[in-house]
Amino acid sequence: SQLQEKNNLLLNNETRDNRSLVDNNKAQALSGEDIDALR
């Protein structure tokens, strides 16, 4: 059905977005440690 196709597209987009979010968190891990050191 058309609705199911739309849902599949949304899921695919969310998967791609989540992947980049995970990458960003890894990239920011050092800055997070720096902030903790400042506290």
PDB file of N, CA and C in Angstrom:
ATOM      1  N   SER A   1       0.839  -1.204   0.000  1.00  0.00           N
ATOM      2  CA  SER A   1       0.000   0.000   0.000  1.00  0.00           C
ATOM      3  C   SER A   1       0.870   1.248   0.000  1.00  0.00           C
ATOM      4  N   GLN A   2       0.289   2.377  -0.375  1.00  0.00           N
ATOM      5  CA  GLN A   2       1.055   3.630  -0.407  1.00  0.00           C
ATOM      6  C   GLN A   2       1.512   4.019   0.993  1.00  0.00           C
ATOM      7  N   LEU A   3       0.643   3.797   1.981  1.00  0.00           N
ATOM      8  CA  LEU A   3       0.991   4.161   3.357  1.00  0.00           C
ATOM      9  C   LEU A   3       2.226   3.390   3.812  1.00  0.00           C
ATOM     10  N   GLN A   4       2.272   2.105   3.486  1.00  0.00           N
ATOM     11  CA  GLN A   4       3.417   1.296   3.911  1.00  0.00           C
ATOM     12  C   GLN A   4       4.694   1.779   3.224  1.00  0.00           C
ATOM     13  N   GLU A   5       4.584   2.160   1.948  1.00  0.00           N
ATOM     14  CA  GLU A   5       5.765   2.663   1.242  1.00  0.00           C
ATOM     15  C   GLU A   5       6.273   3.930   1.908  1.00  0.00           C
ATOM     16  N   LYS A   6       5.355   4.814   2.305  1.00  0.00           N
ATOM     17  CA  LYS A   6       5.765   6.049   2.983  1.00  0.00           C
ATOM     18  C   LYS A   6       6.464   5.712   4.294  1.00  0.00           C
ATOM     19  N   ASN A   7       5.913   4.760   5.051  1.00  0.00           N
ATOM     20  CA  ASN A   7       6.528   4.372   6.323  1.00  0.00           C
ATOM     21  C   ASN A   7       7.929   3.826   6.097  1.00  0.00           C
ATOM     22  N   ASN A   8       8.116   3.032   5.043  1.00  0.00           N
ATOM     23  CA  ASN A   8       9.434   2.481   4.758  1.00  0.00           C
ATOM     24  C   ASN A   8      10.419   3.592   4.444  1.00  0.00           C
ATOM     25  N   LEU A   9       9.990   4.593   3.683  1.00  0.00           N
ATOM     26  CA  LEU A   9      10.872   5.716   3.368  1.00  0.00           C
ATOM     27  C   LEU A   9      11.249   6.454   4.647  1.00  0.00           C
ATOM     28  N   LEU A  10      10.280   6.661   5.538  1.00  0.00           N
ATOM     29  CA  LEU A  10      10.565   7.349   6.798  1.00  0.00           C
ATOM     30  C   LEU A  10      11.569   6.553   7.623  1.00  0.00           C
ATOM     31  N   LEU A  11      11.382   5.237   7.684  1.00  0.00           N
ATOM     32  CA  LEU A  11      12.298   4.401   8.465  1.00  0.00           C
ATOM     33  C   LEU A  11      13.705   4.475   7.885  1.00  0.00           C
ATOM     34  N   ASN A  12      13.817   4.434   6.561  1.00  0.00           N
ATOM     35  CA  ASN A  12      15.135   4.509   5.930  1.00  0.00           C
ATOM     36  C   ASN A  12      15.806   5.831   6.259  1.00  0.00           C
ATOM     37  N   ASN A  13      15.063   6.926   6.217  1.00  0.00           N
ATOM     38  CA  ASN A  13      15.630   8.236   6.518  1.00  0.00           C
ATOM     39  C   ASN A  13      16.067   8.302   7.979  1.00  0.00           C
ATOM     40  N   GLU A  14      15.252   7.751   8.878  1.00  0.00           N
ATOM     41  CA  GLU A  14      15.607   7.783  10.301  1.00  0.00           C
ATOM     42  C   GLU A  14      16.876   6.982  10.547  1.00  0.00           C
ATOM     43  N   THR A  15      17.013   5.851   9.851  1.00  0.00           N
ATOM     44  CA  THR A  15      18.215   5.034  10.027  1.00  0.00           C
ATOM     45  C   THR A  15      19.441   5.825   9.604  1.00  0.00           C
ATOM     46  N   ARG A  16      19.345   6.516   8.483  1.00  0.00           N
ATOM     47  CA  ARG A  16      20.483   7.316   8.010  1.00  0.00           C
ATOM     48  C   ARG A  16      20.793   8.429   9.015  1.00  0.00           C
ATOM     49  N   ASP A  17      19.744   9.092   9.510  1.00  0.00           N
ATOM     50  CA  ASP A  17      19.948  10.181  10.466  1.00  0.00           C
ATOM     51  C   ASP A  17      20.594   9.653  11.744  1.00  0.00           C
ATOM     52  N   ASN A  18      20.111   8.504  12.231  1.00  0.00           N
ATOM     53  CA  ASN A  18      20.660   7.951  13.466  1.00  0.00           C
ATOM     54  C   ASN A  18      22.132   7.619  13.295  1.00  0.00           C
ATOM     55  N   ARG A  19      22.498   7.124  12.112  1.00  0.00           N
ATOM     56  CA  ARG A  19      23.892   6.766  11.878  1.00  0.00           C
ATOM     57  C   ARG A  19      24.771   8.011  12.011  1.00  0.00           C
ATOM     58  N   SER A  20      24.344   9.129  11.432  1.00  0.00           N
ATOM     59  CA  SER A  20      25.158  10.345  11.512  1.00  0.00           C
ATOM     60  C   SER A  20      25.159  10.886  12.940  1.00  0.00           C
ATOM     61  N   LEU A  21      24.050  10.696  13.676  1.00  0.00           N
ATOM     62  CA  LEU A  21      24.019  11.147  15.067  1.00  0.00           C
ATOM     63  C   LEU A  21      25.050  10.381  15.891  1.00  0.00           C
ATOM     64  N   VAL A  22      25.136   9.071  15.663  1.00  0.00           N
ATOM     65  CA  VAL A  22      26.115   8.255  16.396  1.00  0.00           C
ATOM     66  C   VAL A  22      27.519   8.728  16.061  1.00  0.00           C
ATOM     67  N   ASP A  23      27.787   9.010  14.780  1.00  0.00           N
ATOM     68  CA  ASP A  23      29.110   9.497  14.379  1.00  0.00           C
ATOM     69  C   ASP A  23      29.422  10.813  15.078  1.00  0.00           C
ATOM     70  N   ASN A  24      28.436  11.704  15.147  1.00  0.00           N
ATOM     71  CA  ASN A  24      28.657  13.004  15.781  1.00  0.00           C
ATOM     72  C   ASN A  24      28.986  12.823  17.261  1.00  0.00           C
ATOM     73  N   ASN A  25      28.296  11.895  17.910  1.00  0.00           N
ATOM     74  CA  ASN A  25      28.562  11.675  19.332  1.00  0.00           C
ATOM     75  C   ASN A  25      29.986  11.181  19.536  1.00  0.00           C
ATOM     76  N   LYS A  26      30.462  10.304  18.659  1.00  0.00           N
ATOM     77  CA  LYS A  26      31.838   9.815  18.778  1.00  0.00           C
ATOM     78  C   LYS A  26      32.808  10.968  18.564  1.00  0.00           C
ATOM     79  N   ALA A  27      32.523  11.817  17.589  1.00  0.00           N
ATOM     80  CA  ALA A  27      33.423  12.929  17.276  1.00  0.00           C
ATOM     81  C   ALA A  27      33.476  13.912  18.435  1.00  0.00           C
ATOM     82  N   GLN A  28      32.364  14.013  19.186  1.00  0.00           N
ATOM     83  CA  GLN A  28      32.296  14.988  20.273  1.00  0.00           C
ATOM     84  C   GLN A  28      32.743  14.397  21.611  1.00  0.00           C
ATOM     85  N   ALA A  29      33.125  13.131  21.634  1.00  0.00           N
ATOM     86  CA  ALA A  29      33.461  12.479  22.903  1.00  0.00           C
ATOM     87  C   ALA A  29      34.587  13.218  23.616  1.00  0.00           C
ATOM     88  N   LEU A  30      35.616  13.638  22.884  1.00  0.00           N
ATOM     89  CA  LEU A  30      36.752  14.328  23.507  1.00  0.00           C
ATOM     90  C   LEU A  30      36.324  15.667  24.085  1.00  0.00           C
ATOM     91  N   SER A  31      35.492  16.421  23.369  1.00  0.00           N
ATOM     92  CA  SER A  31      35.031  17.712  23.900  1.00  0.00           C
ATOM     93  C   SER A  31      34.232  17.483  25.174  1.00  0.00           C
ATOM     94  N   GLY A  32      33.443  16.409  25.218  1.00  0.00           N
ATOM     95  CA  GLY A  32      32.673  16.096  26.415  1.00  0.00           C
ATOM     96  C   GLY A  32      33.595  15.861  27.598  1.00  0.00           C
ATOM     97  N   GLU A  33      34.697  15.160  27.376  1.00  0.00           N
ATOM     98  CA  GLU A  33      35.662  14.918  28.451  1.00  0.00           C
ATOM     99  C   GLU A  33      36.315  16.232  28.875  1.00  0.00           C
ATOM    100  N   ASP A  34      36.604  17.092  27.910  1.00  0.00           N
ATOM    101  CA  ASP A  34      37.192  18.397  28.235  1.00  0.00           C
ATOM    102  C   ASP A  34      36.250  19.189  29.136  1.00  0.00           C
ATOM    103  N   ILE A  35      34.955  19.160  28.808  1.00  0.00           N
ATOM    104  CA  ILE A  35      33.969  19.899  29.613  1.00  0.00           C
ATOM    105  C   ILE A  35      33.937  19.330  31.027  1.00  0.00           C
ATOM    106  N   ASP A  36      33.974  17.991  31.153  1.00  0.00           N
ATOM    107  CA  ASP A  36      33.972  17.381  32.486  1.00  0.00           C
ATOM    108  C   ASP A  36      35.210  17.808  33.265  1.00  0.00           C
ATOM    109  N   ALA A  37      36.352  17.900  32.598  1.00  0.00           N
ATOM    110  CA  ALA A  37      37.591  18.299  33.267  1.00  0.00           C
ATOM    111  C   ALA A  37      37.476  19.734  33.781  1.00  0.00           C
ATOM    112  N   LEU A  38      36.773  20.582  33.027  1.00  0.00           N
ATOM    113  CA  LEU A  38      36.611  21.977  33.449  1.00  0.00           C
ATOM    114  C   LEU A  38      35.701  22.081  34.677  1.00  0.00           C
ATOM    115  N   ARG A  39      34.754  21.128  34.807  1.00  0.00           N
ATOM    116  CA  ARG A  39      33.818  21.190  35.934  1.00  0.00           C
ATOM    117  C   ARG A  39      34.499  20.873  37.210  1.00  0.00           C
TER     118      ARG A  39
END
